[in-house]
C-alpha cells in the first residue's frame, strides 16, 4: 500500500518511474547536501566503504574550491 502512495505522489510531481533505488539515492544525496557526515550516511545505507557512499556526492554550480583557500 505504501508503494502505491509513493507512485501516485511521484506521478503528481511529474516523476513517472520512481523506484526504491531512486528513493534511497535521493535520501542519501539530500542528506549529504544538507551536511550529514558521510560516515553516518554510509552506515545508514549499509555500505562497507565510505568510498561507495561518495558516489552520492554531487558538485553543484555554486561549489568552488577557492572558498577553502586561506
PDB file of N, CA and C in Angstrom:
ATOM      1  N   UNK A   1       0.817  -1.184   0.000  1.00  0.00           N
ATOM      2  CA  UNK A   1       0.000   0.000   0.000  1.00  0.00           C
ATOM      3  C   UNK A   1       0.872   1.264   0.000  1.00  0.00           C
ATOM      4  N   UNK A   2       1.954   1.256   0.758  1.00  0.00           N
ATOM      5  CA  UNK A   2       2.830   2.426   0.812  1.00  0.00           C
ATOM      6  C   UNK A   2       3.418   2.706  -0.562  1.00  0.00           C
ATOM      7  N   UNK A   3       3.806   1.651  -1.274  1.00  0.00           N
ATOM      8  CA  UNK A   3       4.405   1.836  -2.599  1.00  0.00           C
ATOM      9  C   UNK A   3       3.409   2.492  -3.552  1.00  0.00           C
ATOM     10  N   UNK A   4       2.137   2.165  -3.444  1.00  0.00           N
ATOM     11  CA  UNK A   4       1.111   2.791  -4.288  1.00  0.00           C
ATOM     12  C   UNK A   4       1.007   4.284  -3.990  1.00  0.00           C
ATOM     13  N   UNK A   5       1.101   4.655  -2.722  1.00  0.00           N
ATOM     14  CA  UNK A   5       1.073   6.065  -2.330  1.00  0.00           C
ATOM     15  C   UNK A   5       2.276   6.791  -2.917  1.00  0.00           C
ATOM     16  N   UNK A   6       3.447   6.171  -2.825  1.00  0.00           N
ATOM     17  CA  UNK A   6       4.669   6.772  -3.362  1.00  0.00           C
ATOM     18  C   UNK A   6       4.546   6.962  -4.872  1.00  0.00           C
ATOM     19  N   UNK A   7       4.047   5.954  -5.578  1.00  0.00           N
ATOM     20  CA  UNK A   7       3.907   6.050  -7.034  1.00  0.00           C
ATOM     21  C   UNK A   7       2.937   7.164  -7.421  1.00  0.00           C
ATOM     22  N   UNK A   8       1.825   7.279  -6.715  1.00  0.00           N
ATOM     23  CA  UNK A   8       0.851   8.333  -7.018  1.00  0.00           C
ATOM     24  C   UNK A   8       1.431   9.718  -6.746  1.00  0.00           C
ATOM     25  N   UNK A   9       2.148   9.854  -5.634  1.00  0.00           N
ATOM     26  CA  UNK A   9       2.767  11.141  -5.304  1.00  0.00           C
ATOM     27  C   UNK A   9       3.820  11.511  -6.348  1.00  0.00           C
ATOM     28  N   UNK A  10       4.612  10.553  -6.772  1.00  0.00           N
ATOM     29  CA  UNK A  10       5.643  10.802  -7.778  1.00  0.00           C
ATOM     30  C   UNK A  10       5.005  11.233  -9.097  1.00  0.00           C
ATOM     31  N   UNK A  11       3.943  10.589  -9.471  1.00  0.00           N
ATOM     32  CA  UNK A  11       3.258  10.922 -10.721  1.00  0.00           C
ATOM     33  C   UNK A  11       2.709  12.351 -10.674  1.00  0.00           C
ATOM     34  N   UNK A  12       2.197  12.756  -9.512  1.00  0.00           N
ATOM     35  CA  UNK A  12       1.653  14.111  -9.365  1.00  0.00           C
ATOM     36  C   UNK A  12       2.704  15.184  -9.583  1.00  0.00           C
ATOM     37  N   UNK A  13       3.955  14.881  -9.234  1.00  0.00           N
ATOM     38  CA  UNK A  13       5.014  15.878  -9.417  1.00  0.00           C
ATOM     39  C   UNK A  13       5.813  15.644 -10.702  1.00  0.00           C
ATOM     40  N   UNK A  14       5.329  14.731 -11.531  1.00  0.00           N
ATOM     41  CA  UNK A  14       5.942  14.540 -12.842  1.00  0.00           C
ATOM     42  C   UNK A  14       7.003  13.466 -12.935  1.00  0.00           C
ATOM     43  N   UNK A  15       7.150  12.650 -11.915  1.00  0.00           N
ATOM     44  CA  UNK A  15       8.110  11.541 -11.955  1.00  0.00           C
ATOM     45  C   UNK A  15       7.337  10.265 -12.259  1.00  0.00           C
ATOM     46  N   UNK A  16       7.576   9.721 -13.423  1.00  0.00           N
ATOM     47  CA  UNK A  16       6.752   8.600 -13.860  1.00  0.00           C
ATOM     48  C   UNK A  16       7.337   7.221 -13.602  1.00  0.00           C
ATOM     49  N   UNK A  17       8.596   7.153 -13.203  1.00  0.00           N
ATOM     50  CA  UNK A  17       9.209   5.847 -12.955  1.00  0.00           C
ATOM     51  C   UNK A  17       9.986   5.822 -11.643  1.00  0.00           C
ATOM     52  N   UNK A  18       9.328   6.065 -10.516  1.00  0.00           N
ATOM     53  CA  UNK A  18      10.068   6.012  -9.247  1.00  0.00           C
ATOM     54  C   UNK A  18      10.490   4.574  -8.943  1.00  0.00           C
ATOM     55  N   UNK A  19      11.546   4.457  -8.178  1.00  0.00           N
ATOM     56  CA  UNK A  19      11.996   3.126  -7.758  1.00  0.00           C
ATOM     57  C   UNK A  19      12.520   3.224  -6.332  1.00  0.00           C
ATOM     58  N   UNK A  20      12.668   2.085  -5.693  1.00  0.00           N
ATOM     59  CA  UNK A  20      13.230   2.088  -4.351  1.00  0.00           C
ATOM     60  C   UNK A  20      14.658   2.625  -4.371  1.00  0.00           C
ATOM     61  N   UNK A  21      15.411   2.303  -5.420  1.00  0.00           N
ATOM     62  CA  UNK A  21      16.778   2.809  -5.544  1.00  0.00           C
ATOM     63  C   UNK A  21      16.753   4.332  -5.664  1.00  0.00           C
ATOM     64  N   UNK A  22      15.810   4.870  -6.429  1.00  0.00           N
ATOM     65  CA  UNK A  22      15.672   6.310  -6.593  1.00  0.00           C
ATOM     66  C   UNK A  22      15.422   6.973  -5.235  1.00  0.00           C
ATOM     67  N   UNK A  23      14.551   6.396  -4.433  1.00  0.00           N
ATOM     68  CA  UNK A  23      14.271   6.939  -3.108  1.00  0.00           C
ATOM     69  C   UNK A  23      15.508   6.881  -2.211  1.00  0.00           C
ATOM     70  N   UNK A  24      16.217   5.763  -2.268  1.00  0.00           N
ATOM     71  CA  UNK A  24      17.429   5.576  -1.468  1.00  0.00           C
ATOM     72  C   UNK A  24      18.499   6.593  -1.879  1.00  0.00           C
ATOM     73  N   UNK A  25      18.676   6.731  -3.185  1.00  0.00           N
ATOM     74  CA  UNK A  25      19.663   7.668  -3.724  1.00  0.00           C
ATOM     75  C   UNK A  25      19.291   9.102  -3.336  1.00  0.00           C
ATOM     76  N   UNK A  26      18.018   9.439  -3.477  1.00  0.00           N
ATOM     77  CA  UNK A  26      17.561  10.784  -3.127  1.00  0.00           C
ATOM     78  C   UNK A  26      17.788  11.096  -1.659  1.00  0.00           C
ATOM     79  N   UNK A  27      17.472  10.148  -0.805  1.00  0.00           N
ATOM     80  CA  UNK A  27      17.672  10.341   0.629  1.00  0.00           C
ATOM     81  C   UNK A  27      19.151  10.573   0.946  1.00  0.00           C
ATOM     82  N   UNK A  28      20.010   9.749   0.380  1.00  0.00           N
ATOM     83  CA  UNK A  28      21.448   9.888   0.636  1.00  0.00           C
ATOM     84  C   UNK A  28      21.977  11.210   0.095  1.00  0.00           C
ATOM     85  N   UNK A  29      21.594  11.547  -1.130  1.00  0.00           N
ATOM     86  CA  UNK A  29      22.075  12.782  -1.751  1.00  0.00           C
ATOM     87  C   UNK A  29      21.630  14.009  -0.965  1.00  0.00           C
ATOM     88  N   UNK A  30      20.360  14.057  -0.585  1.00  0.00           N
ATOM     89  CA  UNK A  30      19.849  15.203   0.161  1.00  0.00           C
ATOM     90  C   UNK A  30      20.481  15.290   1.552  1.00  0.00           C
ATOM     91  N   UNK A  31      20.696  14.159   2.177  1.00  0.00           N
ATOM     92  CA  UNK A  31      21.342  14.163   3.495  1.00  0.00           C
ATOM     93  C   UNK A  31      22.748  14.751   3.404  1.00  0.00           C
ATOM     94  N   UNK A  32      23.503  14.307   2.402  1.00  0.00           N
ATOM     95  CA  UNK A  32      24.866  14.810   2.230  1.00  0.00           C
ATOM     96  C   UNK A  32      24.862  16.286   1.841  1.00  0.00           C
ATOM     97  N   UNK A  33      23.934  16.685   0.967  1.00  0.00           N
ATOM     98  CA  UNK A  33      23.840  18.092   0.562  1.00  0.00           C
ATOM     99  C   UNK A  33      23.542  18.995   1.749  1.00  0.00           C
ATOM    100  N   UNK A  34      22.853  18.464   2.738  1.00  0.00           N
ATOM    101  CA  UNK A  34      22.482  19.259   3.904  1.00  0.00           C
ATOM    102  C   UNK A  34      23.485  19.128   5.058  1.00  0.00           C
ATOM    103  N   UNK A  35      24.624  18.491   4.772  1.00  0.00           N
ATOM    104  CA  UNK A  35      25.705  18.473   5.738  1.00  0.00           C
ATOM    105  C   UNK A  35      25.818  17.253   6.622  1.00  0.00           C
ATOM    106  N   UNK A  36      25.058  16.199   6.344  1.00  0.00           N
ATOM    107  CA  UNK A  36      25.188  14.984   7.149  1.00  0.00           C
ATOM    108  C   UNK A  36      26.586  14.399   6.950  1.00  0.00           C
ATOM    109  N   UNK A  37      27.221  13.947   8.018  1.00  0.00           N
ATOM    110  CA  UNK A  37      28.548  13.329   7.884  1.00  0.00           C
ATOM    111  C   UNK A  37      28.464  12.078   7.001  1.00  0.00           C
ATOM    112  N   UNK A  38      29.401  11.984   6.079  1.00  0.00           N
ATOM    113  CA  UNK A  38      29.363  10.885   5.112  1.00  0.00           C
ATOM    114  C   UNK A  38      29.439   9.519   5.796  1.00  0.00           C
ATOM    115  N   UNK A  39      30.159   9.420   6.914  1.00  0.00           N
ATOM    116  CA  UNK A  39      30.269   8.113   7.570  1.00  0.00           C
ATOM    117  C   UNK A  39      28.916   7.674   8.147  1.00  0.00           C
ATOM    118  N   UNK A  40      28.085   8.641   8.587  1.00  0.00           N
ATOM    119  CA  UNK A  40      26.758   8.270   9.099  1.00  0.00           C
ATOM    120  C   UNK A  40      25.823   7.841   7.969  1.00  0.00           C
ATOM    121  N   UNK A  41      25.891   8.553   6.847  1.00  0.00           N
ATOM    122  CA  UNK A  41      25.074   8.177   5.687  1.00  0.00           C
ATOM    123  C   UNK A  41      25.504   6.797   5.203  1.00  0.00           C
ATOM    124  N   UNK A  42      26.809   6.566   5.171  1.00  0.00           N
ATOM    125  CA  UNK A  42      27.344   5.273   4.745  1.00  0.00           C
ATOM    126  C   UNK A  42      26.821   4.141   5.618  1.00  0.00           C
ATOM    127  N   UNK A  43      26.831   4.375   6.931  1.00  0.00           N
ATOM    128  CA  UNK A  43      26.324   3.353   7.860  1.00  0.00           C
ATOM    129  C   UNK A  43      24.833   3.105   7.654  1.00  0.00           C
ATOM    130  N   UNK A  44      24.066   4.185   7.473  1.00  0.00           N
ATOM    131  CA  UNK A  44      22.614   4.015   7.328  1.00  0.00           C
ATOM    132  C   UNK A  44      22.265   3.285   6.042  1.00  0.00           C
ATOM    133  N   UNK A  45      23.115   3.414   5.013  1.00  0.00           N
ATOM    134  CA  UNK A  45      22.886   2.708   3.756  1.00  0.00           C
ATOM    135  C   UNK A  45      23.427   1.277   3.802  1.00  0.00           C
ATOM    136  N   UNK A  46      24.229   0.974   4.809  1.00  0.00           N
ATOM    137  CA  UNK A  46      24.804  -0.363   4.923  1.00  0.00           C
ATOM    138  C   UNK A  46      26.005  -0.589   4.022  1.00  0.00           C
ATOM    139  N   UNK A  47      26.660   0.500   3.627  1.00  0.00           N
ATOM    140  CA  UNK A  47      27.841   0.370   2.772  1.00  0.00           C
ATOM    141  C   UNK A  47      29.034  -0.098   3.593  1.00  0.00           C
ATOM    142  N   UNK A  48      29.833  -0.951   3.005  1.00  0.00           N
ATOM    143  CA  UNK A  48      31.045  -1.434   3.668  1.00  0.00           C
ATOM    144  C   UNK A  48      32.149  -0.384   3.626  1.00  0.00           C
ATOM    145  N   UNK A  49      32.052   0.545   2.667  1.00  0.00           N
ATOM    146  CA  UNK A  49      33.096   1.549   2.485  1.00  0.00           C
ATOM    147  C   UNK A  49      32.478   2.924   2.253  1.00  0.00           C
ATOM    148  N   UNK A  50      33.111   3.948   2.827  1.00  0.00           N
ATOM    149  CA  UNK A  50      32.689   5.318   2.582  1.00  0.00           C
ATOM    150  C   UNK A  50      32.902   5.682   1.111  1.00  0.00           C
ATOM    151  N   UNK A  51      33.843   5.014   0.458  1.00  0.00           N
ATOM    152  CA  UNK A  51      34.093   5.268  -0.963  1.00  0.00           C
ATOM    153  C   UNK A  51      32.841   4.980  -1.798  1.00  0.00           C
ATOM    154  N   UNK A  52      32.101   3.961  -1.411  1.00  0.00           N
ATOM    155  CA  UNK A  52      30.855   3.643  -2.110  1.00  0.00           C
ATOM    156  C   UNK A  52      29.859   4.784  -1.927  1.00  0.00           C
ATOM    157  N   UNK A  53      29.754   5.305  -0.720  1.00  0.00           N
ATOM    158  CA  UNK A  53      28.819   6.384  -0.413  1.00  0.00           C
ATOM    159  C   UNK A  53      29.206   7.669  -1.128  1.00  0.00           C
ATOM    160  N   UNK A  54      30.488   7.848  -1.400  1.00  0.00           N
ATOM    161  CA  UNK A  54      30.940   9.080  -2.048  1.00  0.00           C
ATOM    162  C   UNK A  54      30.320   9.254  -3.430  1.00  0.00           C
ATOM    163  N   UNK A  55      29.777   8.204  -4.010  1.00  0.00           N
ATOM    164  CA  UNK A  55      29.078   8.321  -5.302  1.00  0.00           C
ATOM    165  C   UNK A  55      27.861   9.236  -5.195  1.00  0.00           C
ATOM    166  N   UNK A  56      27.356   9.410  -3.986  1.00  0.00           N
ATOM    167  CA  UNK A  56      26.172  10.238  -3.779  1.00  0.00           C
ATOM    168  C   UNK A  56      26.519  11.722  -3.623  1.00  0.00           C
ATOM    169  N   UNK A  57      27.801  12.041  -3.585  1.00  0.00           N
ATOM    170  CA  UNK A  57      28.227  13.434  -3.504  1.00  0.00           C
ATOM    171  C   UNK A  57      28.142  14.044  -4.897  1.00  0.00           C
ATOM    172  N   UNK A  58      27.541  15.207  -4.994  1.00  0.00           N
ATOM    173  CA  UNK A  58      27.385  15.861  -6.292  1.00  0.00           C
ATOM    174  C   UNK A  58      27.926  17.279  -6.195  1.00  0.00           C
ATOM    175  N   UNK A  59      28.736  17.656  -7.170  1.00  0.00           N
ATOM    176  CA  UNK A  59      29.203  19.034  -7.220  1.00  0.00           C
ATOM    177  C   UNK A  59      28.064  19.905  -7.729  1.00  0.00           C
ATOM    178  N   UNK A  60      27.901  21.057  -7.101  1.00  0.00           N
ATOM    179  CA  UNK A  60      26.869  21.997  -7.503  1.00  0.00           C
ATOM    180  C   UNK A  60      27.535  23.207  -8.154  1.00  0.00           C
ATOM    181  N   UNK A  61      26.830  23.886  -9.044  1.00  0.00           N
ATOM    182  CA  UNK A  61      27.433  25.064  -9.692  1.00  0.00           C
ATOM    183  C   UNK A  61      27.945  26.100  -8.693  1.00  0.00           C
ATOM    184  N   UNK A  62      27.329  26.182  -7.522  1.00  0.00           N
ATOM    185  CA  UNK A  62      27.753  27.168  -6.523  1.00  0.00           C
ATOM    186  C   UNK A  62      28.985  26.710  -5.739  1.00  0.00           C
ATOM    187  N   UNK A  63      29.378  25.452  -5.878  1.00  0.00           N
ATOM    188  CA  UNK A  63      30.560  24.947  -5.182  1.00  0.00           C
ATOM    189  C   UNK A  63      31.817  25.470  -5.873  1.00  0.00           C
ATOM    190  N   UNK A  64      32.760  25.885  -5.092  1.00  0.00           N
ATOM    191  CA  UNK A  64      34.006  26.397  -5.651  1.00  0.00           C
ATOM    192  C   UNK A  64      35.131  26.108  -4.665  1.00  0.00           C
ATOM    193  N   UNK A  65      36.188  25.469  -5.119  1.00  0.00           N
ATOM    194  CA  UNK A  65      37.277  25.119  -4.242  1.00  0.00           C
ATOM    195  C   UNK A  65      37.990  26.354  -3.699  1.00  0.00           C
ATOM    196  N   UNK A  66      37.887  27.490  -4.385  1.00  0.00           N
ATOM    197  CA  UNK A  66      38.571  28.699  -3.909  1.00  0.00           C
ATOM    198  C   UNK A  66      37.998  29.200  -2.587  1.00  0.00           C
ATOM    199  N   UNK A  67      36.792  28.764  -2.235  1.00  0.00           N
ATOM    200  CA  UNK A  67      36.197  29.146  -0.960  1.00  0.00           C
ATOM    201  C   UNK A  67      37.000  28.612   0.218  1.00  0.00           C
ATOM    202  N   UNK A  68      37.807  27.572  -0.022  1.00  0.00           N
ATOM    203  CA  UNK A  68      38.532  26.911   1.057  1.00  0.00           C
ATOM    204  C   UNK A  68      39.985  27.328   1.126  1.00  0.00           C
ATOM    205  N   UNK A  69      40.380  28.259   0.288  1.00  0.00           N
ATOM    206  CA  UNK A  69      41.753  28.766   0.331  1.00  0.00           C
ATOM    207  C   UNK A  69      41.882  29.786   1.451  1.00  0.00           C
ATOM    208  N   UNK A  70      42.986  29.736   2.167  1.00  0.00           N
ATOM    209  CA  UNK A  70      43.200  30.595   3.320  1.00  0.00           C
ATOM    210  C   UNK A  70      43.406  31.999   2.952  1.00  0.00           C
TER     211      UNK A  70
END
